[in-house]
Amino acid sequence: MERVANQANAKSNHEMQSAAWLIVAAAALRTAFGVLMAIDAWLKWQPGFAAHYVGYLQNAANGQPHWLQGWFHMWLRLVTMHTPFFISATRLIETAIALGLRSVSHGGLLISPARCSVS
């Protein structure tokens, strides 16, 4: 009877260690992705991004399959007519994603503002 209890205990400890490892790995991956998104957001706020925004889209449209050309040209026309709006939207969305990932990796969206003011 005691042997069965010890085996169950060992199995339970192994499962707990596996779960702990997965939690740590997920947090590390989330933090690394958050850092990459923060760098990407920072780059979006540089003057060179705004100066070359439409060019980036034109380069992305080149070489696309024929059946996607209409879609890319529609977006290029739309962005060209309203470039300042799309530049600002891109910057704000990238920054929000980076801040959201930071909040999640620091313990949740509700706790994060308190932690940000302390850290």
PDB file of N, CA and C in Angstrom:
ATOM      1  N   MET A   1       0.819  -1.184   0.000  1.00  0.00           N
ATOM      2  CA  MET A   1       0.000   0.000   0.000  1.00  0.00           C
ATOM      3  C   MET A   1       0.872   1.260   0.000  1.00  0.00           C
ATOM      4  N   GLU A   2       1.899   1.227   0.836  1.00  0.00           N
ATOM      5  CA  GLU A   2       2.800   2.381   0.930  1.00  0.00           C
ATOM      6  C   GLU A   2       3.564   2.568  -0.374  1.00  0.00           C
ATOM      7  N   ARG A   3       3.916   1.478  -1.013  1.00  0.00           N
ATOM      8  CA  ARG A   3       4.639   1.533  -2.282  1.00  0.00           C
ATOM      9  C   ARG A   3       3.790   2.199  -3.368  1.00  0.00           C
ATOM     10  N   VAL A   4       2.523   1.885  -3.419  1.00  0.00           N
ATOM     11  CA  VAL A   4       1.603   2.474  -4.383  1.00  0.00           C
ATOM     12  C   VAL A   4       1.481   3.972  -4.125  1.00  0.00           C
ATOM     13  N   ALA A   5       1.415   4.357  -2.858  1.00  0.00           N
ATOM     14  CA  ALA A   5       1.315   5.780  -2.504  1.00  0.00           C
ATOM     15  C   ALA A   5       2.581   6.516  -2.930  1.00  0.00           C
ATOM     16  N   ASN A   6       3.750   5.893  -2.741  1.00  0.00           N
ATOM     17  CA  ASN A   6       5.010   6.521  -3.147  1.00  0.00           C
ATOM     18  C   ASN A   6       5.085   6.685  -4.662  1.00  0.00           C
ATOM     19  N   GLN A   7       4.619   5.683  -5.403  1.00  0.00           N
ATOM     20  CA  GLN A   7       4.617   5.778  -6.865  1.00  0.00           C
ATOM     21  C   GLN A   7       3.682   6.892  -7.329  1.00  0.00           C
ATOM     22  N   ALA A   8       2.544   7.004  -6.725  1.00  0.00           N
ATOM     23  CA  ALA A   8       1.583   8.060  -7.081  1.00  0.00           C
ATOM     24  C   ALA A   8       2.159   9.426  -6.745  1.00  0.00           C
ATOM     25  N   ASN A   9       2.865   9.494  -5.608  1.00  0.00           N
ATOM     26  CA  ASN A   9       3.502  10.750  -5.198  1.00  0.00           C
ATOM     27  C   ASN A   9       4.601  11.142  -6.183  1.00  0.00           C
ATOM     28  N   ALA A  10       5.418  10.179  -6.598  1.00  0.00           N
ATOM     29  CA  ALA A  10       6.495  10.445  -7.553  1.00  0.00           C
ATOM     30  C   ALA A  10       5.918  10.893  -8.892  1.00  0.00           C
ATOM     31  N   LYS A  11       4.852  10.245  -9.315  1.00  0.00           N
ATOM     32  CA  LYS A  11       4.211  10.624 -10.577  1.00  0.00           C
ATOM     33  C   LYS A  11       3.650  12.036 -10.473  1.00  0.00           C
ATOM     34  N   SER A  12       3.039  12.353  -9.345  1.00  0.00           N
ATOM     35  CA  SER A  12       2.480  13.680  -9.127  1.00  0.00           C
ATOM     36  C   SER A  12       3.582  14.750  -9.139  1.00  0.00           C
ATOM     37  N   ASN A  13       4.714  14.459  -8.501  1.00  0.00           N
ATOM     38  CA  ASN A  13       5.847  15.399  -8.502  1.00  0.00           C
ATOM     39  C   ASN A  13       6.380  15.606  -9.910  1.00  0.00           C
ATOM     40  N   HIS A  14       6.476  14.550 -10.683  1.00  0.00           N
ATOM     41  CA  HIS A  14       6.956  14.650 -12.061  1.00  0.00           C
ATOM     42  C   HIS A  14       6.006  15.495 -12.899  1.00  0.00           C
ATOM     43  N   GLU A  15       4.703  15.278 -12.723  1.00  0.00           N
ATOM     44  CA  GLU A  15       3.710  16.071 -13.459  1.00  0.00           C
ATOM     45  C   GLU A  15       3.785  17.539 -13.070  1.00  0.00           C
ATOM     46  N   MET A  16       4.008  17.812 -11.792  1.00  0.00           N
ATOM     47  CA  MET A  16       4.114  19.194 -11.336  1.00  0.00           C
ATOM     48  C   MET A  16       5.368  19.861 -11.909  1.00  0.00           C
ATOM     49  N   GLN A  17       6.477  19.117 -11.975  1.00  0.00           N
ATOM     50  CA  GLN A  17       7.704  19.668 -12.548  1.00  0.00           C
ATOM     51  C   GLN A  17       7.525  19.936 -14.039  1.00  0.00           C
ATOM     52  N   SER A  18       6.831  19.038 -14.725  1.00  0.00           N
ATOM     53  CA  SER A  18       6.573  19.239 -16.149  1.00  0.00           C
ATOM     54  C   SER A  18       5.697  20.466 -16.367  1.00  0.00           C
ATOM     55  N   ALA A  19       4.681  20.616 -15.559  1.00  0.00           N
ATOM     56  CA  ALA A  19       3.791  21.771 -15.680  1.00  0.00           C
ATOM     57  C   ALA A  19       4.539  23.057 -15.366  1.00  0.00           C
ATOM     58  N   ALA A  20       5.385  23.028 -14.351  1.00  0.00           N
ATOM     59  CA  ALA A  20       6.172  24.216 -13.999  1.00  0.00           C
ATOM     60  C   ALA A  20       7.108  24.590 -15.138  1.00  0.00           C
ATOM     61  N   TRP A  21       7.732  23.601 -15.758  1.00  0.00           N
ATOM     62  CA  TRP A  21       8.625  23.874 -16.880  1.00  0.00           C
ATOM     63  C   TRP A  21       7.871  24.516 -18.036  1.00  0.00           C
ATOM     64  N   LEU A  22       6.685  24.014 -18.321  1.00  0.00           N
ATOM     65  CA  LEU A  22       5.877  24.585 -19.397  1.00  0.00           C
ATOM     66  C   LEU A  22       5.472  26.021 -19.099  1.00  0.00           C
ATOM     67  N   ILE A  23       5.152  26.313 -17.853  1.00  0.00           N
ATOM     68  CA  ILE A  23       4.773  27.673 -17.472  1.00  0.00           C
ATOM     69  C   ILE A  23       5.957  28.614 -17.646  1.00  0.00           C
ATOM     70  N   VAL A  24       7.124  28.188 -17.220  1.00  0.00           N
ATOM     71  CA  VAL A  24       8.334  29.011 -17.360  1.00  0.00           C
ATOM     72  C   VAL A  24       8.684  29.204 -18.835  1.00  0.00           C
ATOM     73  N   ALA A  25       8.587  28.146 -19.623  1.00  0.00           N
ATOM     74  CA  ALA A  25       8.891  28.253 -21.049  1.00  0.00           C
ATOM     75  C   ALA A  25       7.912  29.185 -21.753  1.00  0.00           C
ATOM     76  N   ALA A  26       6.640  29.083 -21.416  1.00  0.00           N
ATOM     77  CA  ALA A  26       5.643  29.963 -22.025  1.00  0.00           C
ATOM     78  C   ALA A  26       5.890  31.417 -21.637  1.00  0.00           C
ATOM     79  N   ALA A  27       6.230  31.664 -20.383  1.00  0.00           N
ATOM     80  CA  ALA A  27       6.518  33.034 -19.939  1.00  0.00           C
ATOM     81  C   ALA A  27       7.754  33.585 -20.640  1.00  0.00           C
ATOM     82  N   ALA A  28       8.774  32.751 -20.808  1.00  0.00           N
ATOM     83  CA  ALA A  28       9.981  33.198 -21.499  1.00  0.00           C
ATOM     84  C   ALA A  28       9.694  33.516 -22.961  1.00  0.00           C
ATOM     85  N   LEU A  29       8.907  32.684 -23.601  1.00  0.00           N
ATOM     86  CA  LEU A  29       8.535  32.920 -24.996  1.00  0.00           C
ATOM     87  C   LEU A  29       7.699  34.190 -25.132  1.00  0.00           C
ATOM     88  N   ARG A  30       6.761  34.379 -24.238  1.00  0.00           N
ATOM     89  CA  ARG A  30       5.919  35.575 -24.250  1.00  0.00           C
ATOM     90  C   ARG A  30       6.754  36.832 -24.024  1.00  0.00           C
ATOM     91  N   THR A  31       7.709  36.767 -23.101  1.00  0.00           N
ATOM     92  CA  THR A  31       8.582  37.907 -22.829  1.00  0.00           C
ATOM     93  C   THR A  31       9.468  38.210 -24.024  1.00  0.00           C
ATOM     94  N   ALA A  32      10.039  37.178 -24.633  1.00  0.00           N
ATOM     95  CA  ALA A  32      10.891  37.390 -25.809  1.00  0.00           C
ATOM     96  C   ALA A  32      10.093  38.009 -26.951  1.00  0.00           C
ATOM     97  N   PHE A  33       8.889  37.513 -27.176  1.00  0.00           N
ATOM     98  CA  PHE A  33       8.039  38.073 -28.229  1.00  0.00           C
ATOM     99  C   PHE A  33       7.659  39.510 -27.894  1.00  0.00           C
ATOM    100  N   GLY A  34       7.418  39.802 -26.616  1.00  0.00           N
ATOM    101  CA  GLY A  34       7.116  41.163 -26.182  1.00  0.00           C
ATOM    102  C   GLY A  34       8.265  42.113 -26.434  1.00  0.00           C
ATOM    103  N   VAL A  35       9.486  41.642 -26.188  1.00  0.00           N
ATOM    104  CA  VAL A  35      10.671  42.475 -26.460  1.00  0.00           C
ATOM    105  C   VAL A  35      10.791  42.746 -27.956  1.00  0.00           C
ATOM    106  N   LEU A  36      10.600  41.722 -28.764  1.00  0.00           N
ATOM    107  CA  LEU A  36      10.659  41.924 -30.222  1.00  0.00           C
ATOM    108  C   LEU A  36       9.586  42.900 -30.693  1.00  0.00           C
ATOM    109  N   MET A  37       8.385  42.781 -30.155  1.00  0.00           N
ATOM    110  CA  MET A  37       7.317  43.706 -30.538  1.00  0.00           C
ATOM    111  C   MET A  37       7.605  45.125 -30.056  1.00  0.00           C
ATOM    112  N   ALA A  38       8.243  45.266 -28.897  1.00  0.00           N
ATOM    113  CA  ALA A  38       8.608  46.600 -28.401  1.00  0.00           C
ATOM    114  C   ALA A  38       9.658  47.238 -29.314  1.00  0.00           C
ATOM    115  N   ILE A  39      10.615  46.460 -29.759  1.00  0.00           N
ATOM    116  CA  ILE A  39      11.616  46.974 -30.702  1.00  0.00           C
ATOM    117  C   ILE A  39      10.943  47.370 -32.010  1.00  0.00           C
ATOM    118  N   ASP A  40      10.039  46.524 -32.478  1.00  0.00           N
ATOM    119  CA  ASP A  40       9.311  46.828 -33.710  1.00  0.00           C
ATOM    120  C   ASP A  40       8.486  48.104 -33.558  1.00  0.00           C
ATOM    121  N   ALA A  41       7.821  48.272 -32.424  1.00  0.00           N
ATOM    122  CA  ALA A  41       7.032  49.488 -32.181  1.00  0.00           C
ATOM    123  C   ALA A  41       7.938  50.712 -32.142  1.00  0.00           C
ATOM    124  N   TRP A  42       9.086  50.586 -31.507  1.00  0.00           N
ATOM    125  CA  TRP A  42      10.036  51.706 -31.452  1.00  0.00           C
ATOM    126  C   TRP A  42      10.477  52.099 -32.861  1.00  0.00           C
ATOM    127  N   LEU A  43      10.737  51.114 -33.695  1.00  0.00           N
ATOM    128  CA  LEU A  43      11.138  51.413 -35.078  1.00  0.00           C
ATOM    129  C   LEU A  43      10.027  52.105 -35.857  1.00  0.00           C
ATOM    130  N   LYS A  44       8.781  51.777 -35.542  1.00  0.00           N
ATOM    131  CA  LYS A  44       7.655  52.419 -36.237  1.00  0.00           C
ATOM    132  C   LYS A  44       7.585  53.914 -35.930  1.00  0.00           C
ATOM    133  N   TRP A  45       8.085  54.338 -34.782  1.00  0.00           N
ATOM    134  CA  TRP A  45       8.036  55.747 -34.395  1.00  0.00           C
ATOM    135  C   TRP A  45       9.231  56.540 -34.925  1.00  0.00           C
ATOM    136  N   GLN A  46      10.137  55.894 -35.638  1.00  0.00           N
ATOM    137  CA  GLN A  46      11.274  56.606 -36.228  1.00  0.00           C
ATOM    138  C   GLN A  46      10.824  57.338 -37.492  1.00  0.00           C
ATOM    139  N   PRO A  47      11.449  58.488 -37.812  1.00  0.00           N
ATOM    140  CA  PRO A  47      11.031  59.267 -38.990  1.00  0.00           C
ATOM    141  C   PRO A  47      11.143  58.498 -40.309  1.00  0.00           C
ATOM    142  N   GLY A  48      12.102  57.614 -40.426  1.00  0.00           N
ATOM    143  CA  GLY A  48      12.282  56.856 -41.657  1.00  0.00           C
ATOM    144  C   GLY A  48      11.099  55.971 -41.994  1.00  0.00           C
ATOM    145  N   PHE A  49      10.387  55.498 -40.980  1.00  0.00           N
ATOM    146  CA  PHE A  49       9.221  54.656 -41.230  1.00  0.00           C
ATOM    147  C   PHE A  49       8.159  55.439 -41.986  1.00  0.00           C
ATOM    148  N   ALA A  50       7.850  56.634 -41.517  1.00  0.00           N
ATOM    149  CA  ALA A  50       6.822  57.453 -42.172  1.00  0.00           C
ATOM    150  C   ALA A  50       7.243  57.841 -43.581  1.00  0.00           C
ATOM    151  N   ALA A  51       8.525  58.110 -43.746  1.00  0.00           N
ATOM    152  CA  ALA A  51       9.011  58.550 -45.057  1.00  0.00           C
ATOM    153  C   ALA A  51       8.922  57.439 -46.106  1.00  0.00           C
ATOM    154  N   HIS A  52       8.990  56.194 -45.675  1.00  0.00           N
ATOM    155  CA  HIS A  52       9.033  55.070 -46.624  1.00  0.00           C
ATOM    156  C   HIS A  52       7.822  54.154 -46.533  1.00  0.00           C
ATOM    157  N   TYR A  53       6.776  54.577 -45.834  1.00  0.00           N
ATOM    158  CA  TYR A  53       5.632  53.710 -45.570  1.00  0.00           C
ATOM    159  C   TYR A  53       4.999  53.166 -46.855  1.00  0.00           C
ATOM    160  N   VAL A  54       4.669  54.030 -47.772  1.00  0.00           N
ATOM    161  CA  VAL A  54       4.030  53.587 -49.018  1.00  0.00           C
ATOM    162  C   VAL A  54       5.000  52.729 -49.827  1.00  0.00           C
ATOM    163  N   GLY A  55       6.277  53.048 -49.787  1.00  0.00           N
ATOM    164  CA  GLY A  55       7.276  52.248 -50.495  1.00  0.00           C
ATOM    165  C   GLY A  55       7.351  50.824 -49.975  1.00  0.00           C
ATOM    166  N   TYR A  56       7.216  50.669 -48.656  1.00  0.00           N
ATOM    167  CA  TYR A  56       7.201  49.320 -48.088  1.00  0.00           C
ATOM    168  C   TYR A  56       6.043  48.505 -48.656  1.00  0.00           C
ATOM    169  N   LEU A  57       4.890  49.152 -48.740  1.00  0.00           N
ATOM    170  CA  LEU A  57       3.710  48.455 -49.268  1.00  0.00           C
ATOM    171  C   LEU A  57       3.864  48.138 -50.751  1.00  0.00           C
ATOM    172  N   GLN A  58       4.456  49.075 -51.505  1.00  0.00           N
ATOM    173  CA  GLN A  58       4.679  48.827 -52.933  1.00  0.00           C
ATOM    174  C   GLN A  58       5.643  47.658 -53.125  1.00  0.00           C
ATOM    175  N   ASN A  59       6.684  47.596 -52.297  1.00  0.00           N
ATOM    176  CA  ASN A  59       7.622  46.476 -52.390  1.00  0.00           C
ATOM    177  C   ASN A  59       6.947  45.151 -52.047  1.00  0.00           C
ATOM    178  N   ALA A  60       6.052  45.185 -51.077  1.00  0.00           N
ATOM    179  CA  ALA A  60       5.332  43.957 -50.713  1.00  0.00           C
ATOM    180  C   ALA A  60       4.406  43.515 -51.839  1.00  0.00           C
ATOM    181  N   ALA A  61       3.837  44.469 -52.582  1.00  0.00           N
ATOM    182  CA  ALA A  61       2.915  44.139 -53.672  1.00  0.00           C
ATOM    183  C   ALA A  61       3.642  43.535 -54.870  1.00  0.00           C
ATOM    184  N   ASN A  62       4.894  43.913 -55.071  1.00  0.00           N
ATOM    185  CA  ASN A  62       5.657  43.379 -56.202  1.00  0.00           C
ATOM    186  C   ASN A  62       5.889  41.879 -56.039  1.00  0.00           C
ATOM    187  N   GLY A  63       5.664  41.160 -57.078  1.00  0.00           N
ATOM    188  CA  GLY A  63       5.933  39.730 -57.070  1.00  0.00           C
ATOM    189  C   GLY A  63       4.831  38.880 -56.463  1.00  0.00           C
ATOM    190  N   GLN A  64       3.702  39.483 -56.114  1.00  0.00           N
ATOM    191  CA  GLN A  64       2.598  38.701 -55.578  1.00  0.00           C
ATOM    192  C   GLN A  64       1.886  37.978 -56.720  1.00  0.00           C
ATOM    193  N   PRO A  65       1.198  36.889 -56.425  1.00  0.00           N
ATOM    194  CA  PRO A  65       0.456  36.176 -57.471  1.00  0.00           C
ATOM    195  C   PRO A  65      -0.569  37.085 -58.142  1.00  0.00           C
ATOM    196  N   HIS A  66      -0.869  36.771 -59.375  1.00  0.00           N
ATOM    197  CA  HIS A  66      -1.791  37.582 -60.165  1.00  0.00           C
ATOM    198  C   HIS A  66      -3.146  37.753 -59.480  1.00  0.00           C
ATOM    199  N   TRP A  67      -3.637  36.702 -58.873  1.00  0.00           N
ATOM    200  CA  TRP A  67      -4.958  36.763 -58.260  1.00  0.00           C
ATOM    201  C   TRP A  67      -4.995  37.666 -57.025  1.00  0.00           C
ATOM    202  N   LEU A  68      -3.821  38.080 -56.484  1.00  0.00           N
ATOM    203  CA  LEU A  68      -3.771  39.009 -55.349  1.00  0.00           C
ATOM    204  C   LEU A  68      -3.505  40.454 -55.767  1.00  0.00           C
ATOM    205  N   GLN A  69      -3.182  40.683 -57.026  1.00  0.00           N
ATOM    206  CA  GLN A  69      -2.816  42.028 -57.473  1.00  0.00           C
ATOM    207  C   GLN A  69      -3.915  43.051 -57.195  1.00  0.00           C
ATOM    208  N   GLY A  70      -5.149  42.720 -57.446  1.00  0.00           N
ATOM    209  CA  GLY A  70      -6.251  43.647 -57.199  1.00  0.00           C
ATOM    210  C   GLY A  70      -6.337  44.060 -55.739  1.00  0.00           C
ATOM    211  N   TRP A  71      -6.161  43.077 -54.862  1.00  0.00           N
ATOM    212  CA  TRP A  71      -6.202  43.348 -53.421  1.00  0.00           C
ATOM    213  C   TRP A  71      -5.090  44.308 -53.032  1.00  0.00           C
ATOM    214  N   PHE A  72      -3.876  44.061 -53.472  1.00  0.00           N
ATOM    215  CA  PHE A  72      -2.757  44.925 -53.127  1.00  0.00           C
ATOM    216  C   PHE A  72      -2.924  46.326 -53.723  1.00  0.00           C
ATOM    217  N   HIS A  73      -3.396  46.414 -54.948  1.00  0.00           N
ATOM    218  CA  HIS A  73      -3.581  47.722 -55.574  1.00  0.00           C
ATOM    219  C   HIS A  73      -4.684  48.518 -54.881  1.00  0.00           C
ATOM    220  N   MET A  74      -5.744  47.839 -54.430  1.00  0.00           N
ATOM    221  CA  MET A  74      -6.798  48.519 -53.683  1.00  0.00           C
ATOM    222  C   MET A  74      -6.229  49.131 -52.404  1.00  0.00           C
ATOM    223  N   TRP A  75      -5.421  48.351 -51.673  1.00  0.00           N
ATOM    224  CA  TRP A  75      -4.829  48.860 -50.443  1.00  0.00           C
ATOM    225  C   TRP A  75      -3.839  49.984 -50.723  1.00  0.00           C
ATOM    226  N   LEU A  76      -3.068  49.854 -51.768  1.00  0.00           N
ATOM    227  CA  LEU A  76      -2.121  50.919 -52.104  1.00  0.00           C
ATOM    228  C   LEU A  76      -2.853  52.225 -52.418  1.00  0.00           C
ATOM    229  N   ARG A  77      -3.941  52.153 -53.168  1.00  0.00           N
ATOM    230  CA  ARG A  77      -4.712  53.363 -53.464  1.00  0.00           C
ATOM    231  C   ARG A  77      -5.282  53.968 -52.184  1.00  0.00           C
ATOM    232  N   LEU A  78      -5.835  53.127 -51.325  1.00  0.00           N
ATOM    233  CA  LEU A  78      -6.426  53.597 -50.077  1.00  0.00           C
ATOM    234  C   LEU A  78      -5.375  54.236 -49.165  1.00  0.00           C
ATOM    235  N   VAL A  79      -4.242  53.567 -49.014  1.00  0.00           N
ATOM    236  CA  VAL A  79      -3.178  54.078 -48.147  1.00  0.00           C
ATOM    237  C   VAL A  79      -2.582  55.355 -48.721  1.00  0.00           C
ATOM    238  N   THR A  80      -2.419  55.421 -50.023  1.00  0.00           N
ATOM    239  CA  THR A  80      -1.850  56.614 -50.645  1.00  0.00           C
ATOM    240  C   THR A  80      -2.751  57.830 -50.419  1.00  0.00           C
ATOM    241  N   MET A  81      -4.052  57.636 -50.420  1.00  0.00           N
ATOM    242  CA  MET A  81      -4.986  58.750 -50.206  1.00  0.00           C
ATOM    243  C   MET A  81      -5.011  59.204 -48.740  1.00  0.00           C
ATOM    244  N   HIS A  82      -4.742  58.280 -47.809  1.00  0.00           N
ATOM    245  CA  HIS A  82      -4.853  58.586 -46.379  1.00  0.00           C
ATOM    246  C   HIS A  82      -3.593  58.152 -45.626  1.00  0.00           C
ATOM    247  N   THR A  83      -2.428  58.482 -46.160  1.00  0.00           N
ATOM    248  CA  THR A  83      -1.166  58.014 -45.582  1.00  0.00           C
ATOM    249  C   THR A  83      -0.983  58.400 -44.120  1.00  0.00           C
ATOM    250  N   PRO A  84      -1.206  59.661 -43.714  1.00  0.00           N
ATOM    251  CA  PRO A  84      -0.988  60.002 -42.292  1.00  0.00           C
ATOM    252  C   PRO A  84      -1.845  59.158 -41.339  1.00  0.00           C
ATOM    253  N   PHE A  85      -3.084  58.885 -41.716  1.00  0.00           N
ATOM    254  CA  PHE A  85      -3.944  58.059 -40.872  1.00  0.00           C
ATOM    255  C   PHE A  85      -3.360  56.655 -40.710  1.00  0.00           C
ATOM    256  N   PHE A  86      -2.943  56.029 -41.819  1.00  0.00           N
ATOM    257  CA  PHE A  86      -2.431  54.659 -41.743  1.00  0.00           C
ATOM    258  C   PHE A  86      -1.095  54.588 -41.018  1.00  0.00           C
ATOM    259  N   ILE A  87      -0.271  55.622 -41.151  1.00  0.00           N
ATOM    260  CA  ILE A  87       0.992  55.649 -40.400  1.00  0.00           C
ATOM    261  C   ILE A  87       0.694  55.707 -38.906  1.00  0.00           C
ATOM    262  N   SER A  88      -0.211  56.600 -38.509  1.00  0.00           N
ATOM    263  CA  SER A  88      -0.559  56.722 -37.086  1.00  0.00           C
ATOM    264  C   SER A  88      -1.216  55.440 -36.565  1.00  0.00           C
ATOM    265  N   ALA A  89      -2.119  54.869 -37.339  1.00  0.00           N
ATOM    266  CA  ALA A  89      -2.786  53.633 -36.915  1.00  0.00           C
ATOM    267  C   ALA A  89      -1.779  52.499 -36.739  1.00  0.00           C
ATOM    268  N   THR A  90      -0.845  52.384 -37.675  1.00  0.00           N
ATOM    269  CA  THR A  90       0.168  51.337 -37.577  1.00  0.00           C
ATOM    270  C   THR A  90       1.017  51.530 -36.333  1.00  0.00           C
ATOM    271  N   ARG A  91       1.442  52.749 -36.090  1.00  0.00           N
ATOM    272  CA  ARG A  91       2.257  53.039 -34.903  1.00  0.00           C
ATOM    273  C   ARG A  91       1.503  52.715 -33.615  1.00  0.00           C
ATOM    274  N   LEU A  92       0.265  53.160 -33.521  1.00  0.00           N
ATOM    275  CA  LEU A  92      -0.508  52.946 -32.299  1.00  0.00           C
ATOM    276  C   LEU A  92      -0.831  51.471 -32.070  1.00  0.00           C
ATOM    277  N   ILE A  93      -1.175  50.760 -33.120  1.00  0.00           N
ATOM    278  CA  ILE A  93      -1.495  49.334 -32.983  1.00  0.00           C
ATOM    279  C   ILE A  93      -0.257  48.542 -32.569  1.00  0.00           C
ATOM    280  N   GLU A  94       0.889  48.815 -33.190  1.00  0.00           N
ATOM    281  CA  GLU A  94       2.129  48.109 -32.819  1.00  0.00           C
ATOM    282  C   GLU A  94       2.490  48.390 -31.361  1.00  0.00           C
ATOM    283  N   THR A  95       2.339  49.652 -30.938  1.00  0.00           N
ATOM    284  CA  THR A  95       2.652  50.010 -29.558  1.00  0.00           C
ATOM    285  C   THR A  95       1.684  49.335 -28.591  1.00  0.00           C
ATOM    286  N   ALA A  96       0.402  49.292 -28.935  1.00  0.00           N
ATOM    287  CA  ALA A  96      -0.586  48.630 -28.074  1.00  0.00           C
ATOM    288  C   ALA A  96      -0.297  47.144 -27.939  1.00  0.00           C
ATOM    289  N   ILE A  97       0.103  46.503 -29.027  1.00  0.00           N
ATOM    290  CA  ILE A  97       0.445  45.072 -28.958  1.00  0.00           C
ATOM    291  C   ILE A  97       1.650  44.865 -28.043  1.00  0.00           C
ATOM    292  N   ALA A  98       2.672  45.703 -28.200  1.00  0.00           N
ATOM    293  CA  ALA A  98       3.870  45.563 -27.363  1.00  0.00           C
ATOM    294  C   ALA A  98       3.530  45.781 -25.887  1.00  0.00           C
ATOM    295  N   LEU A  99       2.734  46.797 -25.584  1.00  0.00           N
ATOM    296  CA  LEU A  99       2.345  47.042 -24.191  1.00  0.00           C
ATOM    297  C   LEU A  99       1.453  45.927 -23.657  1.00  0.00           C
ATOM    298  N   GLY A 100       0.590  45.400 -24.500  1.00  0.00           N
ATOM    299  CA  GLY A 100      -0.261  44.286 -24.081  1.00  0.00           C
ATOM    300  C   GLY A 100       0.549  43.042 -23.760  1.00  0.00           C
ATOM    301  N   LEU A 101       1.552  42.750 -24.571  1.00  0.00           N
ATOM    302  CA  LEU A 101       2.405  41.593 -24.284  1.00  0.00           C
ATOM    303  C   LEU A 101       3.212  41.822 -23.017  1.00  0.00           C
ATOM    304  N   ARG A 102       3.643  43.050 -22.786  1.00  0.00           N
ATOM    305  CA  ARG A 102       4.367  43.357 -21.553  1.00  0.00           C
ATOM    306  C   ARG A 102       3.444  43.138 -20.359  1.00  0.00           C
ATOM    307  N   SER A 103       2.198  43.579 -20.481  1.00  0.00           N
ATOM    308  CA  SER A 103       1.248  43.425 -19.387  1.00  0.00           C
ATOM    309  C   SER A 103       0.980  41.960 -19.088  1.00  0.00           C
ATOM    310  N   VAL A 104       0.814  41.162 -20.126  1.00  0.00           N
ATOM    311  CA  VAL A 104       0.543  39.736 -19.936  1.00  0.00           C
ATOM    312  C   VAL A 104       1.747  39.044 -19.317  1.00  0.00           C
ATOM    313  N   SER A 105       2.953  39.409 -19.752  1.00  0.00           N
ATOM    314  CA  SER A 105       4.138  38.736 -19.225  1.00  0.00           C
ATOM    315  C   SER A 105       4.471  39.189 -17.811  1.00  0.00           C
ATOM    316  N   HIS A 106       3.848  40.269 -17.343  1.00  0.00           N
ATOM    317  CA  HIS A 106       4.086  40.740 -15.970  1.00  0.00           C
ATOM    318  C   HIS A 106       2.929  40.438 -15.040  1.00  0.00           C
ATOM    319  N   GLY A 107       2.092  39.506 -15.389  1.00  0.00           N
ATOM    320  CA  GLY A 107       1.102  39.040 -14.446  1.00  0.00           C
ATOM    321  C   GLY A 107      -0.335  39.417 -14.739  1.00  0.00           C
ATOM    322  N   GLY A 108      -0.608  39.881 -15.909  1.00  0.00           N
ATOM    323  CA  GLY A 108      -2.000  40.141 -16.243  1.00  0.00           C
ATOM    324  C   GLY A 108      -2.287  41.606 -16.480  1.00  0.00           C
ATOM    325  N   LEU A 109      -3.324  41.840 -17.246  1.00  0.00           N
ATOM    326  CA  LEU A 109      -3.666  43.205 -17.631  1.00  0.00           C
ATOM    327  C   LEU A 109      -4.153  44.040 -16.456  1.00  0.00           C
ATOM    328  N   LEU A 110      -4.812  43.444 -15.490  1.00  0.00           N
ATOM    329  CA  LEU A 110      -5.363  44.223 -14.388  1.00  0.00           C
ATOM    330  C   LEU A 110      -4.311  44.614 -13.366  1.00  0.00           C
ATOM    331  N   ILE A 111      -3.307  43.786 -13.190  1.00  0.00           N
ATOM    332  CA  ILE A 111      -2.273  44.056 -12.202  1.00  0.00           C
ATOM    333  C   ILE A 111      -1.173  44.948 -12.793  1.00  0.00           C
ATOM    334  N   SER A 112      -1.004  44.924 -14.085  1.00  0.00           N
ATOM    335  CA  SER A 112       0.120  45.560 -14.740  1.00  0.00           C
ATOM    336  C   SER A 112       0.291  47.045 -14.448  1.00  0.00           C
ATOM    337  N   PRO A 113      -0.753  47.898 -14.459  1.00  0.00           N
ATOM    338  CA  PRO A 113      -0.514  49.314 -14.191  1.00  0.00           C
ATOM    339  C   PRO A 113       0.144  49.552 -12.850  1.00  0.00           C
ATOM    340  N   ALA A 114      -0.220  48.762 -11.838  1.00  0.00           N
ATOM    341  CA  ALA A 114       0.423  48.913 -10.533  1.00  0.00           C
ATOM    342  C   ALA A 114       1.895  48.524 -10.603  1.00  0.00           C
ATOM    343  N   ARG A 115       2.209  47.491 -11.328  1.00  0.00           N
ATOM    344  CA  ARG A 115       3.586  47.055 -11.464  1.00  0.00           C
ATOM    345  C   ARG A 115       4.392  48.031 -12.300  1.00  0.00           C
ATOM    346  N   CYS A 116       3.790  48.609 -13.317  1.00  0.00           N
ATOM    347  CA  CYS A 116       4.508  49.578 -14.152  1.00  0.00           C
ATOM    348  C   CYS A 116       4.888  50.803 -13.348  1.00  0.00           C
ATOM    349  N   SER A 117       4.044  51.219 -12.407  1.00  0.00           N
ATOM    350  CA  SER A 117       4.351  52.412 -11.621  1.00  0.00           C
ATOM    351  C   SER A 117       5.440  52.123 -10.599  1.00  0.00           C
ATOM    352  N   VAL A 118       5.594  50.879 -10.200  1.00  0.00           N
ATOM    353  CA  VAL A 118       6.617  50.516  -9.235  1.00  0.00           C
ATOM    354  C   VAL A 118       7.954  50.248  -9.893  1.00  0.00           C
ATOM    355  N   SER A 119       7.929  49.626 -11.084  1.00  0.00           N
ATOM    356  CA  SER A 119       9.175  49.221 -11.714  1.00  0.00           C
ATOM    357  C   SER A 119       9.867  50.317 -12.444  1.00  0.00           C
TER     358      SER A 119
END
